[in-house]
Amino acid sequence: MTVVDRKENVMMHELGTRALARVRSAWGSTWEEDRGDVPGWVLITLMTAGLVVVIWALAGPALAELFQQAIDRVSGI
């Protein structure tokens, strides 16, 4: 790493630190206090995974057949 590269890295770090400080000051105390609705996100994630499993179970065989037909047409069998 050259001296120029090091200077650029230091400058980029300083700019990032300043930008983060501006965001924190704009958000005020809510930056540290607001952690979000973790149980809500867990529920949404589990429900989404459940929907994927149900849809895959229902549509899986049809999608596999559709894929096989497409491969057969392309390969000319």
N, C-alpha and C. Protein backbone atom coordinates (compact mmCIF):
# COMPACT_ATOMS: atom_id res chain seq x y z
N MET A 1 0.85 -1.17 0.00
CA MET A 1 0.00 0.00 0.00
C MET A 1 0.89 1.23 0.00
N THR A 2 0.62 2.13 -0.92
CA THR A 2 1.43 3.33 -1.03
C THR A 2 0.96 4.39 -0.04
N VAL A 3 1.75 5.44 0.06
CA VAL A 3 1.41 6.56 0.94
C VAL A 3 0.12 7.22 0.48
N VAL A 4 -0.05 7.32 -0.82
CA VAL A 4 -1.27 7.94 -1.37
C VAL A 4 -2.49 7.10 -1.00
N ASP A 5 -2.37 5.77 -1.11
CA ASP A 5 -3.48 4.90 -0.75
C ASP A 5 -3.85 5.05 0.72
N ARG A 6 -2.83 5.15 1.57
CA ARG A 6 -3.09 5.31 3.00
C ARG A 6 -3.81 6.63 3.28
N LYS A 7 -3.38 7.69 2.61
CA LYS A 7 -4.03 8.99 2.80
C LYS A 7 -5.47 8.94 2.34
N GLU A 8 -5.72 8.27 1.21
CA GLU A 8 -7.09 8.15 0.73
C GLU A 8 -7.94 7.35 1.71
N ASN A 9 -7.39 6.28 2.27
CA ASN A 9 -8.13 5.49 3.25
C ASN A 9 -8.47 6.31 4.49
N VAL A 10 -7.51 7.11 4.96
CA VAL A 10 -7.75 7.96 6.12
C VAL A 10 -8.84 8.98 5.81
N MET A 11 -8.77 9.59 4.63
CA MET A 11 -9.78 10.58 4.24
C MET A 11 -11.16 9.95 4.16
N MET A 12 -11.26 8.75 3.57
CA MET A 12 -12.55 8.07 3.45
C MET A 12 -13.10 7.71 4.83
N HIS A 13 -12.23 7.28 5.72
CA HIS A 13 -12.65 6.95 7.08
C HIS A 13 -13.19 8.19 7.79
N GLU A 14 -12.49 9.30 7.64
CA GLU A 14 -12.93 10.55 8.28
C GLU A 14 -14.27 11.00 7.71
N LEU A 15 -14.45 10.88 6.40
CA LEU A 15 -15.73 11.26 5.81
C LEU A 15 -16.86 10.38 6.31
N GLY A 16 -16.60 9.07 6.40
CA GLY A 16 -17.62 8.15 6.90
C GLY A 16 -17.97 8.44 8.35
N THR A 17 -16.97 8.76 9.15
CA THR A 17 -17.20 9.08 10.56
C THR A 17 -18.02 10.35 10.70
N ARG A 18 -17.72 11.35 9.89
CA ARG A 18 -18.49 12.59 9.93
C ARG A 18 -19.94 12.37 9.49
N ALA A 19 -20.13 11.58 8.45
CA ALA A 19 -21.49 11.31 7.98
C ALA A 19 -22.29 10.58 9.04
N LEU A 20 -21.67 9.60 9.68
CA LEU A 20 -22.35 8.86 10.74
C LEU A 20 -22.71 9.77 11.90
N ALA A 21 -21.82 10.68 12.24
CA ALA A 21 -22.09 11.63 13.33
C ALA A 21 -23.28 12.52 12.97
N ARG A 22 -23.37 12.93 11.70
CA ARG A 22 -24.51 13.75 11.27
C ARG A 22 -25.82 12.98 11.37
N VAL A 23 -25.80 11.73 10.97
CA VAL A 23 -27.02 10.92 11.05
C VAL A 23 -27.43 10.73 12.49
N ARG A 24 -26.46 10.44 13.35
CA ARG A 24 -26.78 10.25 14.77
C ARG A 24 -27.34 11.52 15.39
N SER A 25 -26.79 12.67 15.04
CA SER A 25 -27.30 13.91 15.62
C SER A 25 -28.68 14.24 15.06
N ALA A 26 -28.94 13.88 13.81
CA ALA A 26 -30.25 14.14 13.23
C ALA A 26 -31.32 13.26 13.88
N TRP A 27 -30.96 12.02 14.20
CA TRP A 27 -31.93 11.10 14.81
C TRP A 27 -32.05 11.34 16.31
N GLY A 28 -31.07 11.98 16.90
CA GLY A 28 -31.13 12.28 18.32
C GLY A 28 -31.04 11.03 19.18
N SER A 29 -31.80 11.02 20.25
CA SER A 29 -31.71 9.92 21.22
C SER A 29 -32.39 8.65 20.71
N THR A 30 -33.22 8.74 19.70
CA THR A 30 -33.91 7.53 19.22
C THR A 30 -32.93 6.56 18.57
N TRP A 31 -31.73 7.03 18.19
CA TRP A 31 -30.74 6.15 17.55
C TRP A 31 -30.41 4.98 18.47
N GLU A 32 -30.16 5.26 19.75
CA GLU A 32 -29.81 4.21 20.69
C GLU A 32 -31.03 3.52 21.28
N GLU A 33 -32.14 4.24 21.43
CA GLU A 33 -33.31 3.70 22.11
C GLU A 33 -34.15 2.78 21.23
N ASP A 34 -34.28 3.08 19.96
CA ASP A 34 -35.17 2.33 19.09
C ASP A 34 -34.47 1.09 18.55
N ARG A 35 -34.85 -0.07 19.04
CA ARG A 35 -34.26 -1.32 18.59
C ARG A 35 -35.19 -2.04 17.62
N GLY A 36 -36.36 -1.51 17.40
CA GLY A 36 -37.29 -2.15 16.47
C GLY A 36 -38.16 -3.17 17.16
N ASP A 37 -39.06 -3.72 16.38
CA ASP A 37 -40.02 -4.69 16.88
C ASP A 37 -39.51 -6.09 16.52
N VAL A 38 -38.61 -6.60 17.35
CA VAL A 38 -37.98 -7.89 17.05
C VAL A 38 -39.00 -9.02 16.99
N PRO A 39 -39.91 -9.17 17.95
CA PRO A 39 -40.89 -10.26 17.85
C PRO A 39 -41.74 -10.17 16.58
N GLY A 40 -42.05 -8.96 16.16
CA GLY A 40 -42.82 -8.78 14.94
C GLY A 40 -42.06 -9.27 13.72
N TRP A 41 -40.77 -8.95 13.65
CA TRP A 41 -39.96 -9.39 12.51
C TRP A 41 -39.76 -10.90 12.53
N VAL A 42 -39.65 -11.47 13.72
CA VAL A 42 -39.53 -12.93 13.82
C VAL A 42 -40.81 -13.58 13.30
N LEU A 43 -41.95 -13.04 13.70
CA LEU A 43 -43.23 -13.58 13.24
C LEU A 43 -43.37 -13.46 11.72
N ILE A 44 -43.01 -12.32 11.17
CA ILE A 44 -43.08 -12.13 9.71
C ILE A 44 -42.17 -13.11 9.00
N THR A 45 -40.97 -13.32 9.54
CA THR A 45 -40.02 -14.26 8.92
C THR A 45 -40.56 -15.68 8.96
N LEU A 46 -41.11 -16.09 10.10
CA LEU A 46 -41.66 -17.45 10.21
C LEU A 46 -42.87 -17.64 9.31
N MET A 47 -43.73 -16.64 9.23
CA MET A 47 -44.90 -16.75 8.36
C MET A 47 -44.49 -16.82 6.90
N THR A 48 -43.50 -16.05 6.51
CA THR A 48 -43.01 -16.09 5.13
C THR A 48 -42.42 -17.45 4.81
N ALA A 49 -41.64 -18.00 5.73
CA ALA A 49 -41.07 -19.33 5.52
C ALA A 49 -42.17 -20.38 5.43
N GLY A 50 -43.20 -20.25 6.25
CA GLY A 50 -44.33 -21.17 6.19
C GLY A 50 -45.06 -21.10 4.86
N LEU A 51 -45.26 -19.89 4.37
CA LEU A 51 -45.92 -19.73 3.07
C LEU A 51 -45.09 -20.35 1.95
N VAL A 52 -43.79 -20.17 2.01
CA VAL A 52 -42.91 -20.75 0.99
C VAL A 52 -43.02 -22.27 1.01
N VAL A 53 -43.04 -22.86 2.19
CA VAL A 53 -43.15 -24.31 2.30
C VAL A 53 -44.48 -24.80 1.75
N VAL A 54 -45.57 -24.13 2.09
CA VAL A 54 -46.89 -24.55 1.61
C VAL A 54 -46.99 -24.40 0.09
N ILE A 55 -46.55 -23.28 -0.43
CA ILE A 55 -46.63 -23.07 -1.88
C ILE A 55 -45.73 -24.06 -2.60
N TRP A 56 -44.54 -24.33 -2.06
CA TRP A 56 -43.63 -25.29 -2.68
C TRP A 56 -44.24 -26.69 -2.68
N ALA A 57 -44.91 -27.05 -1.58
CA ALA A 57 -45.53 -28.38 -1.49
C ALA A 57 -46.65 -28.52 -2.50
N LEU A 58 -47.41 -27.45 -2.71
CA LEU A 58 -48.53 -27.52 -3.65
C LEU A 58 -48.07 -27.42 -5.09
N ALA A 59 -47.14 -26.55 -5.37
CA ALA A 59 -46.75 -26.28 -6.75
C ALA A 59 -45.49 -27.02 -7.17
N GLY A 60 -44.80 -27.67 -6.25
CA GLY A 60 -43.54 -28.34 -6.56
C GLY A 60 -43.64 -29.35 -7.68
N PRO A 61 -44.57 -30.31 -7.60
CA PRO A 61 -44.67 -31.30 -8.67
C PRO A 61 -44.99 -30.69 -10.04
N ALA A 62 -45.87 -29.70 -10.06
CA ALA A 62 -46.22 -29.05 -11.32
C ALA A 62 -45.02 -28.29 -11.89
N LEU A 63 -44.26 -27.63 -11.02
CA LEU A 63 -43.08 -26.90 -11.48
C LEU A 63 -42.00 -27.87 -11.97
N ALA A 64 -41.85 -29.01 -11.31
CA ALA A 64 -40.87 -30.00 -11.75
C ALA A 64 -41.25 -30.55 -13.13
N GLU A 65 -42.53 -30.81 -13.33
CA GLU A 65 -42.99 -31.31 -14.64
C GLU A 65 -42.80 -30.25 -15.72
N LEU A 66 -43.12 -29.01 -15.41
CA LEU A 66 -42.94 -27.92 -16.36
C LEU A 66 -41.47 -27.77 -16.74
N PHE A 67 -40.60 -27.86 -15.74
CA PHE A 67 -39.16 -27.77 -15.99
C PHE A 67 -38.69 -28.92 -16.88
N GLN A 68 -39.17 -30.12 -16.60
CA GLN A 68 -38.77 -31.28 -17.39
C GLN A 68 -39.24 -31.15 -18.84
N GLN A 69 -40.45 -30.65 -19.03
CA GLN A 69 -40.95 -30.42 -20.40
C GLN A 69 -40.09 -29.41 -21.13
N ALA A 70 -39.70 -28.35 -20.45
CA ALA A 70 -38.86 -27.33 -21.08
C ALA A 70 -37.50 -27.91 -21.47
N ILE A 71 -36.92 -28.71 -20.59
CA ILE A 71 -35.63 -29.34 -20.90
C ILE A 71 -35.78 -30.30 -22.08
N ASP A 72 -36.86 -31.07 -22.10
CA ASP A 72 -37.09 -32.01 -23.20
C ASP A 72 -37.23 -31.28 -24.54
N ARG A 73 -37.93 -30.15 -24.53
CA ARG A 73 -38.09 -29.39 -25.77
C ARG A 73 -36.77 -28.82 -26.25
N VAL A 74 -35.97 -28.32 -25.33
CA VAL A 74 -34.69 -27.73 -25.73
C VAL A 74 -33.72 -28.81 -26.21
N SER A 75 -33.71 -29.94 -25.55
CA SER A 75 -32.77 -31.00 -25.94
C SER A 75 -33.28 -31.81 -27.14
N GLY A 76 -34.55 -31.66 -27.53
CA GLY A 76 -35.10 -32.33 -28.70
C GLY A 76 -35.44 -33.78 -28.48
N ILE A 77 -35.68 -34.18 -27.26
CA ILE A 77 -36.02 -35.59 -26.99
C ILE A 77 -37.50 -35.80 -27.21
